[in-house]
């Protein structure tokens, strides 16, 4: 003997189905709103107008022939800068470290030269993942580097 599917059964199936769909959507929306800290750019149209200028600046920076290495060491950020003629000294190095998910306030870092084209931040950077925008100025030349420090 087989049981018949009644209207009551179908009502429960629809309620269960849409209940699961709504629960998953609400869960995903909560996770998304708790982990994404903001926007990539404030105005994408304005950013698109600057794109070619950013590419030109990147090309100009590459022509300098500078090499950069950015790493964490004992809570500090260290930047090593080389040029075609050897280590690059007497540069001004600054950086801003931001948490990629907006979980912490941005940290501004200033650097002191420790010799041999190496610079160490004066401020400590808390543990975790940080997106660090480093700016190096030497004379009238400027180089910007974006580094993911984990």
N, C-alpha and C. Protein backbone atom coordinates (compact mmCIF):
# COMPACT_ATOMS: atom_id res chain seq x y z
N UNK A 1 0.84 -1.18 0.00
CA UNK A 1 0.00 0.00 0.00
C UNK A 1 0.89 1.25 0.00
N UNK A 2 0.65 2.16 -0.91
CA UNK A 2 1.43 3.40 -1.00
C UNK A 2 0.61 4.54 -0.45
N UNK A 3 1.36 5.48 0.17
CA UNK A 3 0.67 6.66 0.71
C UNK A 3 0.56 7.72 -0.38
N UNK A 4 -0.50 8.42 -0.33
CA UNK A 4 -0.73 9.50 -1.29
C UNK A 4 -0.10 10.78 -0.77
N UNK A 5 0.37 11.57 -1.72
CA UNK A 5 0.90 12.88 -1.35
C UNK A 5 -0.28 13.84 -1.33
N UNK A 6 -0.44 14.47 -0.19
CA UNK A 6 -1.57 15.39 -0.03
C UNK A 6 -1.09 16.84 -0.10
N UNK A 7 -2.00 17.73 -0.07
CA UNK A 7 -1.68 19.17 -0.06
C UNK A 7 -0.89 19.54 1.17
N UNK A 8 -1.16 18.89 2.28
CA UNK A 8 -0.43 19.15 3.52
C UNK A 8 1.05 18.78 3.35
N UNK A 9 1.32 17.62 2.72
CA UNK A 9 2.71 17.21 2.47
C UNK A 9 3.43 18.25 1.60
N UNK A 10 2.79 18.68 0.54
CA UNK A 10 3.40 19.66 -0.36
C UNK A 10 3.65 20.99 0.34
N UNK A 11 2.76 21.38 1.22
CA UNK A 11 2.95 22.62 1.98
C UNK A 11 4.21 22.53 2.81
N UNK A 12 4.41 21.38 3.51
CA UNK A 12 5.60 21.19 4.32
C UNK A 12 6.87 21.15 3.47
N UNK A 13 6.80 20.54 2.29
CA UNK A 13 7.96 20.50 1.39
C UNK A 13 8.33 21.91 0.95
N UNK A 14 7.35 22.71 0.55
CA UNK A 14 7.63 24.09 0.13
C UNK A 14 8.19 24.92 1.27
N UNK A 15 7.61 24.79 2.46
CA UNK A 15 8.09 25.54 3.62
C UNK A 15 9.52 25.14 3.95
N UNK A 16 9.82 23.84 3.93
CA UNK A 16 11.18 23.36 4.23
C UNK A 16 12.16 23.86 3.17
N UNK A 17 11.80 23.76 1.89
CA UNK A 17 12.67 24.18 0.81
C UNK A 17 13.01 25.66 0.92
N UNK A 18 11.98 26.51 1.02
CA UNK A 18 12.23 27.94 1.08
C UNK A 18 12.86 28.35 2.42
N UNK A 19 12.58 27.60 3.46
CA UNK A 19 13.24 27.86 4.75
C UNK A 19 14.74 27.65 4.66
N UNK A 20 15.15 26.58 3.98
CA UNK A 20 16.59 26.33 3.79
C UNK A 20 17.21 27.41 2.93
N UNK A 21 16.56 27.79 1.84
CA UNK A 21 17.09 28.82 0.95
C UNK A 21 17.25 30.14 1.70
N UNK A 22 16.26 30.53 2.46
CA UNK A 22 16.32 31.80 3.21
C UNK A 22 17.40 31.72 4.28
N UNK A 23 17.50 30.60 4.99
CA UNK A 23 18.53 30.46 6.03
C UNK A 23 19.93 30.56 5.45
N UNK A 24 20.17 29.94 4.30
CA UNK A 24 21.48 30.01 3.66
C UNK A 24 21.78 31.44 3.22
N UNK A 25 20.81 32.11 2.62
CA UNK A 25 21.01 33.50 2.18
C UNK A 25 21.31 34.42 3.35
N UNK A 26 20.58 34.29 4.43
CA UNK A 26 20.81 35.14 5.60
C UNK A 26 22.20 34.86 6.17
N UNK A 27 22.58 33.58 6.27
CA UNK A 27 23.90 33.23 6.79
C UNK A 27 25.01 33.82 5.93
N UNK A 28 24.89 33.69 4.61
CA UNK A 28 25.91 34.24 3.71
C UNK A 28 25.97 35.77 3.80
N UNK A 29 24.82 36.42 3.91
CA UNK A 29 24.80 37.88 4.03
C UNK A 29 25.47 38.34 5.32
N UNK A 30 25.25 37.62 6.42
CA UNK A 30 25.89 37.96 7.69
C UNK A 30 27.40 37.80 7.57
N UNK A 31 27.86 36.67 7.01
CA UNK A 31 29.30 36.47 6.84
C UNK A 31 29.91 37.55 5.96
N UNK A 32 29.24 37.90 4.88
CA UNK A 32 29.76 38.91 3.96
C UNK A 32 29.86 40.27 4.63
N UNK A 33 28.86 40.66 5.38
CA UNK A 33 28.87 41.98 6.00
C UNK A 33 29.87 42.06 7.16
N UNK A 34 30.20 40.94 7.77
CA UNK A 34 31.17 40.95 8.87
C UNK A 34 32.61 40.90 8.39
N UNK A 35 32.86 40.45 7.18
CA UNK A 35 34.24 40.29 6.73
C UNK A 35 34.70 41.33 5.73
N UNK A 36 33.82 41.98 4.99
CA UNK A 36 34.24 42.97 4.01
C UNK A 36 34.20 44.33 4.65
N UNK A 37 35.35 44.98 4.75
CA UNK A 37 35.44 46.23 5.48
C UNK A 37 35.14 47.48 4.70
N UNK A 38 34.90 47.42 3.43
CA UNK A 38 34.64 48.65 2.70
C UNK A 38 34.73 48.45 1.21
N UNK A 39 35.15 49.50 0.54
CA UNK A 39 35.21 49.49 -0.92
C UNK A 39 36.65 49.35 -1.39
N UNK A 40 36.81 48.92 -2.60
CA UNK A 40 38.14 48.85 -3.19
C UNK A 40 38.55 50.25 -3.62
N UNK A 41 37.67 50.95 -4.29
CA UNK A 41 37.87 52.36 -4.63
C UNK A 41 36.57 53.09 -4.30
N UNK A 42 36.70 54.36 -3.95
CA UNK A 42 35.50 55.11 -3.60
C UNK A 42 34.64 55.43 -4.81
N UNK A 43 35.28 55.70 -5.94
CA UNK A 43 34.53 56.04 -7.14
C UNK A 43 35.22 55.37 -8.32
N UNK A 44 34.62 54.33 -8.84
CA UNK A 44 35.26 53.55 -9.91
C UNK A 44 35.42 54.36 -11.19
N UNK A 45 34.52 55.28 -11.47
CA UNK A 45 34.65 56.10 -12.68
C UNK A 45 35.88 56.99 -12.59
N UNK A 46 36.07 57.66 -11.44
CA UNK A 46 37.24 58.52 -11.26
C UNK A 46 38.51 57.68 -11.32
N UNK A 47 38.49 56.50 -10.70
CA UNK A 47 39.66 55.62 -10.74
C UNK A 47 39.98 55.21 -12.17
N UNK A 48 38.97 54.94 -12.97
CA UNK A 48 39.22 54.52 -14.35
C UNK A 48 39.86 55.64 -15.17
N UNK A 49 39.56 56.89 -14.82
CA UNK A 49 40.14 58.02 -15.54
C UNK A 49 41.63 58.17 -15.24
N UNK A 50 42.08 57.66 -14.10
CA UNK A 50 43.48 57.75 -13.69
C UNK A 50 44.29 56.52 -14.07
N UNK A 51 43.66 55.51 -14.61
CA UNK A 51 44.32 54.23 -14.84
C UNK A 51 45.55 54.34 -15.74
N UNK A 52 45.43 55.04 -16.87
CA UNK A 52 46.58 55.18 -17.78
C UNK A 52 47.72 55.95 -17.13
N UNK A 53 47.40 56.95 -16.32
CA UNK A 53 48.45 57.68 -15.61
C UNK A 53 49.17 56.77 -14.62
N UNK A 54 48.42 55.87 -13.97
CA UNK A 54 49.03 54.92 -13.04
C UNK A 54 49.96 53.97 -13.79
N UNK A 55 49.56 53.53 -14.97
CA UNK A 55 50.42 52.65 -15.77
C UNK A 55 51.70 53.38 -16.20
N UNK A 56 51.58 54.64 -16.60
CA UNK A 56 52.76 55.43 -16.98
C UNK A 56 53.71 55.59 -15.81
N UNK A 57 53.16 55.85 -14.63
CA UNK A 57 53.99 56.00 -13.44
C UNK A 57 54.70 54.68 -13.10
N UNK A 58 54.00 53.56 -13.24
CA UNK A 58 54.62 52.26 -12.97
C UNK A 58 55.76 52.00 -13.95
N UNK A 59 55.59 52.34 -15.22
CA UNK A 59 56.67 52.19 -16.21
C UNK A 59 57.87 53.04 -15.84
N UNK A 60 57.62 54.28 -15.45
CA UNK A 60 58.69 55.20 -15.06
C UNK A 60 59.46 54.63 -13.87
N UNK A 61 58.74 54.07 -12.89
CA UNK A 61 59.39 53.49 -11.71
C UNK A 61 60.25 52.30 -12.09
N UNK A 62 59.80 51.50 -13.04
CA UNK A 62 60.58 50.33 -13.47
C UNK A 62 61.89 50.74 -14.13
N UNK A 63 61.90 51.88 -14.82
CA UNK A 63 63.12 52.35 -15.49
C UNK A 63 64.21 52.74 -14.50
N UNK A 64 63.86 53.03 -13.25
CA UNK A 64 64.87 53.37 -12.24
C UNK A 64 65.81 52.19 -11.99
N UNK A 65 65.30 50.97 -12.19
CA UNK A 65 66.12 49.78 -11.95
C UNK A 65 66.26 49.44 -10.47
N UNK A 66 65.38 49.96 -9.65
CA UNK A 66 65.43 49.66 -8.22
C UNK A 66 64.82 48.29 -7.96
N UNK A 67 65.39 47.59 -7.00
CA UNK A 67 64.80 46.35 -6.52
C UNK A 67 64.40 46.57 -5.07
N UNK A 68 63.26 46.04 -4.69
CA UNK A 68 62.80 46.20 -3.31
C UNK A 68 62.37 44.86 -2.76
N UNK A 69 62.65 44.68 -1.49
CA UNK A 69 62.22 43.49 -0.78
C UNK A 69 61.63 43.97 0.54
N UNK A 70 60.41 43.59 0.80
CA UNK A 70 59.71 43.99 2.02
C UNK A 70 59.35 42.74 2.80
N UNK A 71 59.72 42.71 4.08
CA UNK A 71 59.46 41.54 4.91
C UNK A 71 59.23 41.96 6.36
N UNK A 72 58.67 41.04 7.13
CA UNK A 72 58.49 41.28 8.57
C UNK A 72 59.63 40.62 9.32
N UNK A 73 60.08 41.29 10.38
CA UNK A 73 61.15 40.75 11.19
C UNK A 73 60.92 41.17 12.64
N UNK A 74 60.53 40.21 13.47
CA UNK A 74 60.33 40.52 14.89
C UNK A 74 59.28 41.57 15.16
N UNK A 75 58.23 41.61 14.37
CA UNK A 75 57.17 42.60 14.57
C UNK A 75 57.39 43.89 13.81
N UNK A 76 58.58 44.09 13.28
CA UNK A 76 58.89 45.28 12.50
C UNK A 76 58.84 44.94 11.02
N UNK A 77 58.72 45.98 10.21
CA UNK A 77 58.75 45.80 8.76
C UNK A 77 60.12 46.27 8.28
N UNK A 78 60.77 45.44 7.47
CA UNK A 78 62.07 45.81 6.92
C UNK A 78 61.98 45.91 5.41
N UNK A 79 62.59 46.95 4.87
CA UNK A 79 62.61 47.20 3.44
C UNK A 79 64.07 47.24 3.00
N UNK A 80 64.41 46.43 2.00
CA UNK A 80 65.74 46.46 1.40
C UNK A 80 65.60 47.03 0.00
N UNK A 81 66.45 48.00 -0.32
CA UNK A 81 66.37 48.67 -1.62
C UNK A 81 67.72 48.59 -2.30
N UNK A 82 67.70 48.10 -3.52
CA UNK A 82 68.92 48.06 -4.32
C UNK A 82 68.73 48.84 -5.60
N UNK A 83 69.85 49.25 -6.17
CA UNK A 83 69.81 49.95 -7.46
C UNK A 83 70.85 49.30 -8.37
N UNK A 84 70.97 49.79 -9.58
CA UNK A 84 71.96 49.23 -10.50
C UNK A 84 73.38 49.38 -9.97
N UNK A 85 73.60 50.40 -9.15
CA UNK A 85 74.94 50.66 -8.63
C UNK A 85 75.15 50.10 -7.22
N UNK A 86 74.18 49.35 -6.69
CA UNK A 86 74.33 48.76 -5.36
C UNK A 86 73.19 49.17 -4.44
N UNK A 87 73.40 48.97 -3.12
CA UNK A 87 72.33 49.32 -2.17
C UNK A 87 71.99 50.81 -2.25
N UNK A 88 70.73 51.12 -2.06
CA UNK A 88 70.26 52.50 -2.16
C UNK A 88 70.11 53.07 -0.75
N UNK A 89 71.00 53.98 -0.40
CA UNK A 89 70.94 54.62 0.91
C UNK A 89 70.38 56.02 0.80
N UNK A 90 70.20 56.65 1.95
CA UNK A 90 69.73 58.04 2.04
C UNK A 90 68.38 58.25 1.38
N UNK A 91 67.52 57.26 1.48
CA UNK A 91 66.17 57.39 0.93
C UNK A 91 65.19 57.65 2.09
N UNK A 92 64.06 58.19 1.76
CA UNK A 92 62.98 58.35 2.73
C UNK A 92 61.96 57.27 2.44
N UNK A 93 61.69 56.45 3.45
CA UNK A 93 60.76 55.33 3.29
C UNK A 93 59.61 55.52 4.27
N UNK A 94 58.39 55.43 3.75
CA UNK A 94 57.19 55.47 4.58
C UNK A 94 56.25 54.37 4.09
N UNK A 95 55.31 54.02 4.94
CA UNK A 95 54.35 52.97 4.55
C UNK A 95 53.06 53.14 5.33
N UNK A 96 52.00 52.62 4.74
CA UNK A 96 50.71 52.53 5.43
C UNK A 96 50.25 51.08 5.30
N UNK A 97 50.02 50.45 6.44
CA UNK A 97 49.58 49.06 6.46
C UNK A 97 48.10 49.02 6.81
N UNK A 98 47.32 48.35 5.97
CA UNK A 98 45.89 48.22 6.23
C UNK A 98 45.52 46.75 6.33
N UNK A 99 44.59 46.47 7.19
CA UNK A 99 44.10 45.11 7.33
C UNK A 99 43.18 44.85 6.15
N UNK A 100 43.36 43.72 5.42
CA UNK A 100 42.59 43.52 4.18
C UNK A 100 41.09 43.40 4.39
N UNK A 101 40.66 43.03 5.58
CA UNK A 101 39.22 42.89 5.81
C UNK A 101 38.66 44.01 6.67
N UNK A 102 39.44 45.05 6.87
CA UNK A 102 38.95 46.20 7.63
C UNK A 102 38.81 45.93 9.11
N UNK A 103 39.47 44.89 9.62
CA UNK A 103 39.34 44.51 11.03
C UNK A 103 40.13 45.38 11.98
N UNK A 104 41.05 46.19 11.47
CA UNK A 104 41.87 47.05 12.32
C UNK A 104 42.11 48.38 11.61
N UNK A 105 42.42 49.38 12.38
CA UNK A 105 42.70 50.69 11.81
C UNK A 105 44.01 50.64 11.03
N UNK A 106 44.14 51.43 9.97
CA UNK A 106 45.41 51.49 9.24
C UNK A 106 46.54 51.97 10.15
N UNK A 107 47.74 51.47 9.89
CA UNK A 107 48.91 51.82 10.68
C UNK A 107 49.90 52.54 9.77
N UNK A 108 50.32 53.75 10.16
CA UNK A 108 51.32 54.50 9.42
C UNK A 108 52.69 54.14 9.97
N UNK A 109 53.59 53.78 9.08
CA UNK A 109 54.94 53.36 9.49
C UNK A 109 55.97 54.35 8.97
N UNK A 110 56.91 54.71 9.83
CA UNK A 110 58.07 55.49 9.40
C UNK A 110 59.28 54.60 9.55
N UNK A 111 60.31 54.86 8.77
CA UNK A 111 61.46 53.95 8.72
C UNK A 111 62.76 54.68 9.04
N UNK A 112 63.68 53.93 9.65
CA UNK A 112 65.03 54.42 9.90
C UNK A 112 65.99 53.56 9.11
N UNK A 113 67.01 54.20 8.54
CA UNK A 113 68.01 53.45 7.78
C UNK A 113 68.90 52.68 8.74
N UNK A 114 69.11 51.40 8.45
CA UNK A 114 69.97 50.58 9.31
C UNK A 114 71.23 50.13 8.58
N UNK A 115 71.44 50.66 7.38
CA UNK A 115 72.67 50.40 6.64
C UNK A 115 72.49 49.43 5.49
N UNK A 116 73.34 49.57 4.50
CA UNK A 116 73.34 48.67 3.36
C UNK A 116 72.05 48.67 2.56
N UNK A 117 71.41 49.82 2.45
CA UNK A 117 70.16 49.90 1.70
C UNK A 117 68.98 49.26 2.41
N UNK A 118 69.12 49.04 3.74
CA UNK A 118 68.05 48.43 4.53
C UNK A 118 67.44 49.47 5.47
N UNK A 119 66.13 49.37 5.62
CA UNK A 119 65.37 50.29 6.45
C UNK A 119 64.43 49.47 7.33
N UNK A 120 64.28 49.88 8.60
CA UNK A 120 63.39 49.17 9.54
C UNK A 120 62.36 50.17 10.08
N UNK A 121 61.13 49.69 10.19
CA UNK A 121 60.07 50.56 10.70
C UNK A 121 60.33 50.88 12.17
N UNK A 122 59.96 52.08 12.55
CA UNK A 122 60.09 52.48 13.96
C UNK A 122 58.94 51.91 14.79
N UNK A 123 57.83 51.64 14.12
CA UNK A 123 56.63 51.12 14.80
C UNK A 123 56.52 49.62 14.55
N UNK A 124 55.97 48.93 15.52
CA UNK A 124 55.70 47.49 15.36
C UNK A 124 54.37 47.32 14.62
N UNK A 125 54.29 46.23 13.90
CA UNK A 125 53.06 45.87 13.19
C UNK A 125 52.50 44.63 13.85
N UNK A 126 51.25 44.69 14.28
CA UNK A 126 50.62 43.57 14.97
C UNK A 126 50.59 42.33 14.08
N UNK A 127 50.51 41.19 14.71
CA UNK A 127 50.46 39.93 13.96
C UNK A 127 49.21 39.90 13.09
N UNK A 128 49.27 39.13 12.02
CA UNK A 128 48.14 39.00 11.11
C UNK A 128 48.53 39.42 9.71
N UNK A 129 47.55 39.46 8.86
CA UNK A 129 47.77 39.80 7.46
C UNK A 129 47.55 41.29 7.26
N UNK A 130 48.49 41.94 6.57
CA UNK A 130 48.43 43.37 6.31
C UNK A 130 48.78 43.63 4.85
N UNK A 131 48.04 44.51 4.22
CA UNK A 131 48.37 45.00 2.88
C UNK A 131 49.14 46.30 3.12
N UNK A 132 50.39 46.34 2.67
CA UNK A 132 51.28 47.45 3.00
C UNK A 132 51.65 48.21 1.73
N UNK A 133 51.38 49.51 1.75
CA UNK A 133 51.75 50.40 0.64
C UNK A 133 53.01 51.15 1.06
N UNK A 134 54.11 50.79 0.43
CA UNK A 134 55.42 51.37 0.77
C UNK A 134 55.75 52.43 -0.27
N UNK A 135 56.24 53.58 0.20
CA UNK A 135 56.68 54.64 -0.70
C UNK A 135 58.14 54.96 -0.41
N UNK A 136 58.95 54.94 -1.46
CA UNK A 136 60.38 55.21 -1.34
C UNK A 136 60.68 56.47 -2.15
N UNK A 137 61.32 57.44 -1.51
CA UNK A 137 61.68 58.68 -2.19
C UNK A 137 63.20 58.84 -2.08
N UNK A 138 63.83 58.99 -3.22
CA UNK A 138 65.28 59.22 -3.26
C UNK A 138 65.53 60.34 -4.26
N UNK A 139 65.87 61.51 -3.75
CA UNK A 139 66.02 62.68 -4.62
C UNK A 139 64.68 63.03 -5.24
N UNK A 140 64.64 63.11 -6.56
CA UNK A 140 63.38 63.44 -7.23
C UNK A 140 62.67 62.19 -7.75
N UNK A 141 63.19 61.01 -7.37
CA UNK A 141 62.57 59.76 -7.80
C UNK A 141 61.72 59.17 -6.69
N UNK A 142 60.63 58.59 -7.11
CA UNK A 142 59.66 58.02 -6.16
C UNK A 142 59.23 56.66 -6.68
N UNK A 143 59.17 55.69 -5.75
CA UNK A 143 58.68 54.36 -6.12
C UNK A 143 57.65 53.92 -5.07
N UNK A 144 56.57 53.35 -5.56
CA UNK A 144 55.53 52.83 -4.67
C UNK A 144 55.44 51.32 -4.87
N UNK A 145 55.35 50.60 -3.76
CA UNK A 145 55.27 49.14 -3.80
C UNK A 145 54.11 48.70 -2.92
N UNK A 146 53.34 47.76 -3.42
CA UNK A 146 52.22 47.19 -2.67
C UNK A 146 52.59 45.76 -2.30
N UNK A 147 52.59 45.45 -0.99
CA UNK A 147 53.05 44.15 -0.51
C UNK A 147 52.02 43.56 0.42
N UNK A 148 51.77 42.26 0.28
CA UNK A 148 50.89 41.52 1.19
C UNK A 148 51.78 40.86 2.24
N UNK A 149 51.73 41.37 3.47
CA UNK A 149 52.53 40.81 4.57
C UNK A 149 51.64 39.90 5.40
N UNK A 150 51.97 38.65 5.44
CA UNK A 150 51.20 37.69 6.24
C UNK A 150 51.93 37.32 7.50
